[in-house]
């Protein structure tokens, strides 16, 4: 059996980059050189300069400042998706595996039903009903992501459910919920972390696409998908600073998060 090292330098570096983006979101007021909504028509659509390192948008707002502040909404939405989806998926998976019988069959059919609704389409429908913003699309995407996460967890949890240590816990008189929370769930954490990390990148892209279509975050808020959309007019005019900078930010976060998730999946499979 291959022994997996407890410390992985690749995971450490990728995690550090993710932490850097989180710190940028938290300390945005201290990092951004200007308020994100401060306009200056006389400086509209300027290229990079000493005063504006990434240039300005069509209304003279500093692109770097909006990019920094945009980290908040761009990461908050996917985090909300993952929080709701993971909580629902873990609850359904563990309860279905432990209770079994008709309830397990019901959960399986429910997940199959949710599979028939693409997450992005579901989010657009919810936005049409509830209006634009962050919460509506995030909750809708969470519903769409739940079956993908639950399918993997249910499969792994079923295997864990029949291992000798579970039977030993039952013989000791432990209740079902205690066994699930103290033993099954900790053993599933490597798989859970890997799946949620990859799902985070997908959720970020989906929410950016919704904002790009004008159905998510609305101006004058700063959000990467919205910045890609609002920068199109300058892009056509040969001034692509806003669209390119926001697009690069999305690509970098998705690559880092997906690479981290894949690395964690490989380690979880090797255990």
C-alpha atoms as a PDB file:
ATOM      1  CA  UNK A   1       0.000   0.000   0.000  1.00  0.00           C
ATOM      2  CA  UNK A   2       1.326   3.460  -0.926  1.00  0.00           C
ATOM      3  CA  UNK A   3       1.860   5.696   2.045  1.00  0.00           C
ATOM      4  CA  UNK A   4       0.483   9.202   1.558  1.00  0.00           C
ATOM      5  CA  UNK A   5       2.530  12.017   3.073  1.00  0.00           C
ATOM      6  CA  UNK A   6       0.642  14.109   5.616  1.00  0.00           C
ATOM      7  CA  UNK A   7       2.031  17.341   4.129  1.00  0.00           C
ATOM      8  CA  UNK A   8       1.779  18.148   0.449  1.00  0.00           C
ATOM      9  CA  UNK A   9       3.708  21.245  -0.776  1.00  0.00           C
ATOM     10  CA  UNK A  10       1.423  21.625  -3.815  1.00  0.00           C
ATOM     11  CA  UNK A  11      -1.683  21.742  -1.629  1.00  0.00           C
ATOM     12  CA  UNK A  12       0.099  24.154   0.712  1.00  0.00           C
ATOM     13  CA  UNK A  13       0.951  26.588  -2.107  1.00  0.00           C
ATOM     14  CA  UNK A  14      -2.525  26.408  -3.664  1.00  0.00           C
ATOM     15  CA  UNK A  15      -4.144  26.885  -0.261  1.00  0.00           C
ATOM     16  CA  UNK A  16      -1.916  29.900   0.356  1.00  0.00           C
ATOM     17  CA  UNK A  17      -3.060  31.478  -2.924  1.00  0.00           C
ATOM     18  CA  UNK A  18      -6.702  30.872  -1.964  1.00  0.00           C
ATOM     19  CA  UNK A  19      -6.036  32.450   1.432  1.00  0.00           C
ATOM     20  CA  UNK A  20      -4.505  35.458  -0.329  1.00  0.00           C
ATOM     21  CA  UNK A  21      -7.727  36.057  -2.274  1.00  0.00           C
ATOM     22  CA  UNK A  22      -9.745  35.750   0.938  1.00  0.00           C
ATOM     23  CA  UNK A  23      -7.494  38.309   2.645  1.00  0.00           C
ATOM     24  CA  UNK A  24      -7.919  40.661  -0.310  1.00  0.00           C
ATOM     25  CA  UNK A  25     -11.704  40.386   0.088  1.00  0.00           C
ATOM     26  CA  UNK A  26     -11.555  40.975   3.845  1.00  0.00           C
ATOM     27  CA  UNK A  27      -9.147  43.917   3.727  1.00  0.00           C
ATOM     28  CA  UNK A  28     -10.431  45.463   0.482  1.00  0.00           C
ATOM     29  CA  UNK A  29     -10.922  48.954   2.044  1.00  0.00           C
ATOM     30  CA  UNK A  30      -7.254  48.985   3.082  1.00  0.00           C
ATOM     31  CA  UNK A  31      -5.923  47.649  -0.225  1.00  0.00           C
ATOM     32  CA  UNK A  32      -8.001  49.508  -2.822  1.00  0.00           C
ATOM     33  CA  UNK A  33      -6.546  52.920  -3.711  1.00  0.00           C
ATOM     34  CA  UNK A  34      -9.984  54.447  -4.418  1.00  0.00           C
ATOM     35  CA  UNK A  35     -13.630  53.839  -3.438  1.00  0.00           C
ATOM     36  CA  UNK A  36     -15.084  51.332  -5.932  1.00  0.00           C
ATOM     37  CA  UNK A  37     -17.950  53.616  -7.036  1.00  0.00           C
ATOM     38  CA  UNK A  38     -16.007  56.884  -7.236  1.00  0.00           C
ATOM     39  CA  UNK A  39     -16.451  58.261 -10.740  1.00  0.00           C
ATOM     40  CA  UNK A  40     -14.364  60.779 -12.680  1.00  0.00           C
ATOM     41  CA  UNK A  41     -15.740  61.479 -16.153  1.00  0.00           C
ATOM     42  CA  UNK A  42     -12.589  63.395 -17.105  1.00  0.00           C
ATOM     43  CA  UNK A  43     -10.558  60.238 -16.538  1.00  0.00           C
ATOM     44  CA  UNK A  44     -12.962  57.818 -18.233  1.00  0.00           C
ATOM     45  CA  UNK A  45     -11.561  54.857 -20.185  1.00  0.00           C
ATOM     46  CA  UNK A  46      -7.943  55.667 -19.441  1.00  0.00           C
ATOM     47  CA  UNK A  47      -5.215  53.078 -19.807  1.00  0.00           C
ATOM     48  CA  UNK A  48      -2.880  51.967 -17.019  1.00  0.00           C
ATOM     49  CA  UNK A  49      -0.968  54.824 -15.390  1.00  0.00           C
ATOM     50  CA  UNK A  50       0.748  55.759 -12.139  1.00  0.00           C
ATOM     51  CA  UNK A  51      -2.551  57.011 -10.704  1.00  0.00           C
ATOM     52  CA  UNK A  52      -4.631  54.090 -11.984  1.00  0.00           C
ATOM     53  CA  UNK A  53      -2.496  50.951 -12.272  1.00  0.00           C
ATOM     54  CA  UNK A  54      -5.116  49.034 -14.282  1.00  0.00           C
ATOM     55  CA  UNK A  55      -6.744  52.068 -15.878  1.00  0.00           C
ATOM     56  CA  UNK A  56     -10.319  53.298 -15.492  1.00  0.00           C
ATOM     57  CA  UNK A  57     -13.683  52.176 -16.815  1.00  0.00           C
ATOM     58  CA  UNK A  58     -16.168  54.076 -18.986  1.00  0.00           C
ATOM     59  CA  UNK A  59     -17.290  56.234 -16.049  1.00  0.00           C
ATOM     60  CA  UNK A  60     -13.804  56.929 -14.693  1.00  0.00           C
ATOM     61  CA  UNK A  61     -13.883  54.422 -11.833  1.00  0.00           C
ATOM     62  CA  UNK A  62     -10.557  52.862 -10.878  1.00  0.00           C
ATOM     63  CA  UNK A  63     -10.460  49.297 -12.234  1.00  0.00           C
ATOM     64  CA  UNK A  64      -7.983  48.019  -9.647  1.00  0.00           C
ATOM     65  CA  UNK A  65     -10.204  49.235  -6.815  1.00  0.00           C
ATOM     66  CA  UNK A  66     -13.273  47.606  -8.340  1.00  0.00           C
ATOM     67  CA  UNK A  67     -11.315  44.412  -8.934  1.00  0.00           C
ATOM     68  CA  UNK A  68     -10.248  44.330  -5.272  1.00  0.00           C
ATOM     69  CA  UNK A  69     -13.742  45.075  -3.957  1.00  0.00           C
ATOM     70  CA  UNK A  70     -15.204  42.669  -6.511  1.00  0.00           C
ATOM     71  CA  UNK A  71     -13.367  39.854  -4.756  1.00  0.00           C
ATOM     72  CA  UNK A  72     -15.953  40.085  -1.986  1.00  0.00           C
ATOM     73  CA  UNK A  73     -19.094  39.365  -3.996  1.00  0.00           C
ATOM     74  CA  UNK A  74     -17.249  37.074  -6.409  1.00  0.00           C
ATOM     75  CA  UNK A  75     -16.206  34.786  -3.539  1.00  0.00           C
ATOM     76  CA  UNK A  76     -19.255  35.290  -1.315  1.00  0.00           C
ATOM     77  CA  UNK A  77     -21.695  33.904  -3.887  1.00  0.00           C
ATOM     78  CA  UNK A  78     -19.837  30.594  -4.478  1.00  0.00           C
ATOM     79  CA  UNK A  79     -19.263  30.252  -0.735  1.00  0.00           C
ATOM     80  CA  UNK A  80     -23.016  30.534  -0.153  1.00  0.00           C
ATOM     81  CA  UNK A  81     -23.644  27.949  -2.885  1.00  0.00           C
ATOM     82  CA  UNK A  82     -21.188  25.510  -1.305  1.00  0.00           C
ATOM     83  CA  UNK A  83     -22.517  26.086   2.221  1.00  0.00           C
ATOM     84  CA  UNK A  84     -26.143  25.362   1.280  1.00  0.00           C
ATOM     85  CA  UNK A  85     -25.340  22.523  -1.135  1.00  0.00           C
ATOM     86  CA  UNK A  86     -22.901  20.759   1.202  1.00  0.00           C
ATOM     87  CA  UNK A  87     -25.209  20.975   4.219  1.00  0.00           C
ATOM     88  CA  UNK A  88     -28.116  19.563   2.226  1.00  0.00           C
ATOM     89  CA  UNK A  89     -26.020  16.870   0.514  1.00  0.00           C
ATOM     90  CA  UNK A  90     -24.377  15.669   3.739  1.00  0.00           C
ATOM     91  CA  UNK A  91     -27.715  15.516   5.553  1.00  0.00           C
ATOM     92  CA  UNK A  92     -29.427  13.597   2.756  1.00  0.00           C
ATOM     93  CA  UNK A  93     -26.507  11.216   2.178  1.00  0.00           C
ATOM     94  CA  UNK A  94     -25.857  10.230   5.776  1.00  0.00           C
ATOM     95  CA  UNK A  95     -29.528   9.921   6.704  1.00  0.00           C
ATOM     96  CA  UNK A  96     -30.296   7.845   3.590  1.00  0.00           C
ATOM     97  CA  UNK A  97     -27.392   5.466   4.168  1.00  0.00           C
ATOM     98  CA  UNK A  98     -28.134   5.049   7.855  1.00  0.00           C
ATOM     99  CA  UNK A  99     -31.933   4.710   7.688  1.00  0.00           C
ATOM    100  CA  UNK A 100     -31.993   2.790   4.389  1.00  0.00           C
ATOM    101  CA  UNK A 101     -35.142   1.145   3.080  1.00  0.00           C
ATOM    102  CA  UNK A 102     -37.831   3.303   1.530  1.00  0.00           C
ATOM    103  CA  UNK A 103     -36.235   6.499   2.752  1.00  0.00           C
ATOM    104  CA  UNK A 104     -33.018   5.651   0.909  1.00  0.00           C
ATOM    105  CA  UNK A 105     -35.057   4.969  -2.237  1.00  0.00           C
ATOM    106  CA  UNK A 106     -36.868   8.288  -1.798  1.00  0.00           C
ATOM    107  CA  UNK A 107     -33.567  10.177  -1.503  1.00  0.00           C
ATOM    108  CA  UNK A 108     -32.227   8.393  -4.587  1.00  0.00           C
ATOM    109  CA  UNK A 109     -35.305   9.395  -6.618  1.00  0.00           C
ATOM    110  CA  UNK A 110     -35.124  12.964  -5.302  1.00  0.00           C
ATOM    111  CA  UNK A 111     -31.497  13.264  -6.404  1.00  0.00           C
ATOM    112  CA  UNK A 112     -32.367  11.840  -9.822  1.00  0.00           C
ATOM    113  CA  UNK A 113     -35.124  14.439 -10.099  1.00  0.00           C
ATOM    114  CA  UNK A 114     -32.730  17.251  -9.244  1.00  0.00           C
ATOM    115  CA  UNK A 115     -30.277  15.933 -11.849  1.00  0.00           C
ATOM    116  CA  UNK A 116     -32.853  16.751 -14.521  1.00  0.00           C
ATOM    117  CA  UNK A 117     -32.612  20.492 -13.750  1.00  0.00           C
ATOM    118  CA  UNK A 118     -29.365  22.130 -14.946  1.00  0.00           C
ATOM    119  CA  UNK A 119     -28.066  24.384 -12.178  1.00  0.00           C
ATOM    120  CA  UNK A 120     -27.538  27.428 -14.398  1.00  0.00           C
ATOM    121  CA  UNK A 121     -31.004  27.198 -15.981  1.00  0.00           C
ATOM    122  CA  UNK A 122     -32.572  26.776 -12.547  1.00  0.00           C
ATOM    123  CA  UNK A 123     -30.749  29.894 -11.341  1.00  0.00           C
ATOM    124  CA  UNK A 124     -32.036  31.930 -14.291  1.00  0.00           C
ATOM    125  CA  UNK A 125     -35.612  30.788 -13.574  1.00  0.00           C
ATOM    126  CA  UNK A 126     -35.293  31.742  -9.898  1.00  0.00           C
ATOM    127  CA  UNK A 127     -33.914  35.164 -10.841  1.00  0.00           C
ATOM    128  CA  UNK A 128     -36.873  35.684 -13.158  1.00  0.00           C
ATOM    129  CA  UNK A 129     -39.219  34.982 -10.235  1.00  0.00           C
ATOM    130  CA  UNK A 130     -37.393  36.537  -7.262  1.00  0.00           C
ATOM    131  CA  UNK A 131     -35.365  39.231  -8.974  1.00  0.00           C
ATOM    132  CA  UNK A 132     -31.663  39.904  -9.357  1.00  0.00           C
ATOM    133  CA  UNK A 133     -29.027  39.851  -6.633  1.00  0.00           C
ATOM    134  CA  UNK A 134     -26.652  37.418  -4.950  1.00  0.00           C
ATOM    135  CA  UNK A 135     -28.846  35.291  -2.684  1.00  0.00           C
ATOM    136  CA  UNK A 136     -31.448  34.106  -5.231  1.00  0.00           C
ATOM    137  CA  UNK A 137     -29.011  32.786  -7.863  1.00  0.00           C
ATOM    138  CA  UNK A 138     -26.757  31.318  -5.153  1.00  0.00           C
ATOM    139  CA  UNK A 139     -29.561  29.328  -3.527  1.00  0.00           C
ATOM    140  CA  UNK A 140     -30.775  28.138  -6.943  1.00  0.00           C
ATOM    141  CA  UNK A 141     -27.276  26.977  -7.882  1.00  0.00           C
ATOM    142  CA  UNK A 142     -26.987  25.257  -4.504  1.00  0.00           C
ATOM    143  CA  UNK A 143     -30.090  23.216  -5.302  1.00  0.00           C
ATOM    144  CA  UNK A 144     -28.581  22.271  -8.645  1.00  0.00           C
ATOM    145  CA  UNK A 145     -25.211  21.352  -7.097  1.00  0.00           C
ATOM    146  CA  UNK A 146     -26.691  19.228  -4.285  1.00  0.00           C
ATOM    147  CA  UNK A 147     -27.264  16.000  -6.280  1.00  0.00           C
ATOM    148  CA  UNK A 148     -23.716  16.027  -7.692  1.00  0.00           C
ATOM    149  CA  UNK A 149     -22.215  16.298  -4.222  1.00  0.00           C
ATOM    150  CA  UNK A 150     -24.717  13.914  -2.610  1.00  0.00           C
ATOM    151  CA  UNK A 151     -24.183  11.211  -5.233  1.00  0.00           C
ATOM    152  CA  UNK A 152     -20.505  10.869  -4.362  1.00  0.00           C
ATOM    153  CA  UNK A 153     -21.052  11.128  -0.609  1.00  0.00           C
ATOM    154  CA  UNK A 154     -23.877   8.596  -0.629  1.00  0.00           C
ATOM    155  CA  UNK A 155     -21.716   6.086  -2.471  1.00  0.00           C
ATOM    156  CA  UNK A 156     -18.749   6.483  -0.117  1.00  0.00           C
ATOM    157  CA  UNK A 157     -20.955   6.614   2.993  1.00  0.00           C
ATOM    158  CA  UNK A 158     -22.637   3.344   2.016  1.00  0.00           C
ATOM    159  CA  UNK A 159     -19.229   1.671   1.899  1.00  0.00           C
ATOM    160  CA  UNK A 160     -18.272   3.119   5.284  1.00  0.00           C
ATOM    161  CA  UNK A 161     -21.632   2.111   6.752  1.00  0.00           C
ATOM    162  CA  UNK A 162     -20.789  -1.598   6.437  1.00  0.00           C
ATOM    163  CA  UNK A 163     -17.273  -1.463   7.873  1.00  0.00           C
ATOM    164  CA  UNK A 164     -16.567  -3.314  11.156  1.00  0.00           C
ATOM    165  CA  UNK A 165     -16.024  -0.169  13.236  1.00  0.00           C
ATOM    166  CA  UNK A 166     -19.643   0.925  12.656  1.00  0.00           C
ATOM    167  CA  UNK A 167     -20.924  -2.403  13.944  1.00  0.00           C
ATOM    168  CA  UNK A 168     -18.587  -2.111  16.931  1.00  0.00           C
ATOM    169  CA  UNK A 169     -20.021   1.325  17.740  1.00  0.00           C
ATOM    170  CA  UNK A 170     -23.529  -0.085  17.567  1.00  0.00           C
ATOM    171  CA  UNK A 171     -22.577  -2.906  19.946  1.00  0.00           C
ATOM    172  CA  UNK A 172     -21.298  -0.269  22.365  1.00  0.00           C
ATOM    173  CA  UNK A 173     -24.766   1.259  22.359  1.00  0.00           C
ATOM    174  CA  UNK A 174     -24.022   4.423  20.380  1.00  0.00           C
ATOM    175  CA  UNK A 175     -26.989   6.093  18.721  1.00  0.00           C
ATOM    176  CA  UNK A 176     -27.182   6.426  14.949  1.00  0.00           C
ATOM    177  CA  UNK A 177     -26.758  10.202  14.847  1.00  0.00           C
ATOM    178  CA  UNK A 178     -23.721   9.985  17.125  1.00  0.00           C
ATOM    179  CA  UNK A 179     -22.063   7.360  14.935  1.00  0.00           C
ATOM    180  CA  UNK A 180     -22.750   9.466  11.832  1.00  0.00           C
ATOM    181  CA  UNK A 181     -21.405  12.692  13.322  1.00  0.00           C
ATOM    182  CA  UNK A 182     -18.438  11.325  15.269  1.00  0.00           C
ATOM    183  CA  UNK A 183     -17.284   8.516  12.984  1.00  0.00           C
ATOM    184  CA  UNK A 184     -18.846   8.448   9.498  1.00  0.00           C
ATOM    185  CA  UNK A 185     -18.627  12.180   8.820  1.00  0.00           C
ATOM    186  CA  UNK A 186     -14.946  12.587   9.857  1.00  0.00           C
ATOM    187  CA  UNK A 187     -13.996   9.659   7.607  1.00  0.00           C
ATOM    188  CA  UNK A 188     -15.822  11.322   4.712  1.00  0.00           C
ATOM    189  CA  UNK A 189     -14.153  14.724   5.192  1.00  0.00           C
ATOM    190  CA  UNK A 190     -11.311  14.184   2.642  1.00  0.00           C
ATOM    191  CA  UNK A 191     -13.869  13.362  -0.073  1.00  0.00           C
ATOM    192  CA  UNK A 192     -16.128  16.208   1.039  1.00  0.00           C
ATOM    193  CA  UNK A 193     -13.314  18.777   0.940  1.00  0.00           C
ATOM    194  CA  UNK A 194     -12.175  17.674  -2.499  1.00  0.00           C
ATOM    195  CA  UNK A 195     -15.677  17.779  -4.005  1.00  0.00           C
ATOM    196  CA  UNK A 196     -16.583  21.111  -2.457  1.00  0.00           C
ATOM    197  CA  UNK A 197     -13.347  22.714  -3.626  1.00  0.00           C
ATOM    198  CA  UNK A 198     -13.987  21.728  -7.233  1.00  0.00           C
ATOM    199  CA  UNK A 199     -17.647  22.749  -6.942  1.00  0.00           C
ATOM    200  CA  UNK A 200     -16.558  26.187  -5.686  1.00  0.00           C
ATOM    201  CA  UNK A 201     -14.782  26.940  -8.969  1.00  0.00           C
ATOM    202  CA  UNK A 202     -17.783  25.815 -10.994  1.00  0.00           C
ATOM    203  CA  UNK A 203     -20.117  27.939  -8.867  1.00  0.00           C
ATOM    204  CA  UNK A 204     -17.882  30.985  -9.328  1.00  0.00           C
ATOM    205  CA  UNK A 205     -18.006  30.628 -13.121  1.00  0.00           C
ATOM    206  CA  UNK A 206     -21.794  30.092 -13.114  1.00  0.00           C
ATOM    207  CA  UNK A 207     -22.456  33.132 -10.926  1.00  0.00           C
ATOM    208  CA  UNK A 208     -20.102  35.248 -13.038  1.00  0.00           C
ATOM    209  CA  UNK A 209     -22.041  34.137 -16.123  1.00  0.00           C
ATOM    210  CA  UNK A 210     -25.332  35.097 -14.466  1.00  0.00           C
ATOM    211  CA  UNK A 211     -23.947  38.546 -13.612  1.00  0.00           C
ATOM    212  CA  UNK A 212     -22.579  38.862 -17.144  1.00  0.00           C
ATOM    213  CA  UNK A 213     -26.096  38.285 -18.470  1.00  0.00           C
ATOM    214  CA  UNK A 214     -27.391  41.050 -16.202  1.00  0.00           C
ATOM    215  CA  UNK A 215     -29.363  38.676 -13.972  1.00  0.00           C
ATOM    216  CA  UNK A 216     -27.128  38.662 -10.909  1.00  0.00           C
ATOM    217  CA  UNK A 217     -25.302  41.485  -9.170  1.00  0.00           C
ATOM    218  CA  UNK A 218     -26.381  44.879 -10.498  1.00  0.00           C
ATOM    219  CA  UNK A 219     -24.423  48.109 -11.072  1.00  0.00           C
ATOM    220  CA  UNK A 220     -22.843  50.013  -9.424  1.00  0.00           C
ATOM    221  CA  UNK A 221     -21.739  47.016  -7.322  1.00  0.00           C
ATOM    222  CA  UNK A 222     -18.295  45.603  -8.039  1.00  0.00           C
ATOM    223  CA  UNK A 223     -18.267  41.952  -9.137  1.00  0.00           C
ATOM    224  CA  UNK A 224     -16.001  40.213 -11.638  1.00  0.00           C
ATOM    225  CA  UNK A 225     -18.694  38.837 -13.934  1.00  0.00           C
ATOM    226  CA  UNK A 226     -20.398  42.234 -14.001  1.00  0.00           C
ATOM    227  CA  UNK A 227     -17.068  43.910 -14.772  1.00  0.00           C
ATOM    228  CA  UNK A 228     -16.560  41.630 -17.773  1.00  0.00           C
ATOM    229  CA  UNK A 229     -19.986  42.725 -19.029  1.00  0.00           C
ATOM    230  CA  UNK A 230     -19.665  46.475 -18.378  1.00  0.00           C
ATOM    231  CA  UNK A 231     -16.202  46.545 -19.943  1.00  0.00           C
ATOM    232  CA  UNK A 232     -17.403  45.271 -23.319  1.00  0.00           C
ATOM    233  CA  UNK A 233     -17.943  48.723 -24.777  1.00  0.00           C
ATOM    234  CA  UNK A 234     -14.349  49.709 -23.979  1.00  0.00           C
ATOM    235  CA  UNK A 235     -13.163  46.322 -25.250  1.00  0.00           C
ATOM    236  CA  UNK A 236     -14.691  47.025 -28.651  1.00  0.00           C
ATOM    237  CA  UNK A 237     -13.050  50.459 -28.596  1.00  0.00           C
ATOM    238  CA  UNK A 238      -9.645  48.882 -28.062  1.00  0.00           C
ATOM    239  CA  UNK A 239      -9.470  49.535 -24.322  1.00  0.00           C
ATOM    240  CA  UNK A 240      -9.844  46.063 -22.808  1.00  0.00           C
ATOM    241  CA  UNK A 241      -8.446  46.765 -19.343  1.00  0.00           C
ATOM    242  CA  UNK A 242     -11.644  46.170 -17.333  1.00  0.00           C
ATOM    243  CA  UNK A 243     -12.794  43.042 -19.166  1.00  0.00           C
ATOM    244  CA  UNK A 244      -9.332  41.468 -19.298  1.00  0.00           C
ATOM    245  CA  UNK A 245      -8.477  42.151 -15.641  1.00  0.00           C
ATOM    246  CA  UNK A 246     -11.781  40.737 -14.369  1.00  0.00           C
ATOM    247  CA  UNK A 247     -11.545  37.777 -16.738  1.00  0.00           C
ATOM    248  CA  UNK A 248      -8.013  36.979 -15.597  1.00  0.00           C
ATOM    249  CA  UNK A 249      -9.117  37.138 -11.947  1.00  0.00           C
ATOM    250  CA  UNK A 250     -11.898  34.606 -12.636  1.00  0.00           C
ATOM    251  CA  UNK A 251      -9.567  32.289 -14.564  1.00  0.00           C
ATOM    252  CA  UNK A 252      -6.835  32.400 -11.901  1.00  0.00           C
ATOM    253  CA  UNK A 253      -9.213  31.603  -9.030  1.00  0.00           C
ATOM    254  CA  UNK A 254     -10.905  28.784 -10.956  1.00  0.00           C
ATOM    255  CA  UNK A 255      -7.574  27.210 -11.980  1.00  0.00           C
ATOM    256  CA  UNK A 256      -6.182  27.418  -8.445  1.00  0.00           C
ATOM    257  CA  UNK A 257      -9.336  26.080  -6.793  1.00  0.00           C
ATOM    258  CA  UNK A 258      -9.828  23.264  -9.323  1.00  0.00           C
ATOM    259  CA  UNK A 259      -6.164  22.266  -9.088  1.00  0.00           C
ATOM    260  CA  UNK A 260      -6.469  22.195  -5.309  1.00  0.00           C
ATOM    261  CA  UNK A 261      -9.620  20.071  -5.529  1.00  0.00           C
ATOM    262  CA  UNK A 262      -8.040  17.600  -7.959  1.00  0.00           C
ATOM    263  CA  UNK A 263      -4.939  17.285  -5.793  1.00  0.00           C
ATOM    264  CA  UNK A 264      -7.075  16.659  -2.729  1.00  0.00           C
ATOM    265  CA  UNK A 265      -9.109  14.075  -4.655  1.00  0.00           C
ATOM    266  CA  UNK A 266      -5.935  12.198  -5.605  1.00  0.00           C
ATOM    267  CA  UNK A 267      -4.789  12.164  -1.996  1.00  0.00           C
ATOM    268  CA  UNK A 268      -8.193  11.034  -0.746  1.00  0.00           C
ATOM    269  CA  UNK A 269      -8.214   8.182  -3.296  1.00  0.00           C
ATOM    270  CA  UNK A 270      -4.715   7.108  -2.292  1.00  0.00           C
ATOM    271  CA  UNK A 271      -5.585   6.734   1.396  1.00  0.00           C
END
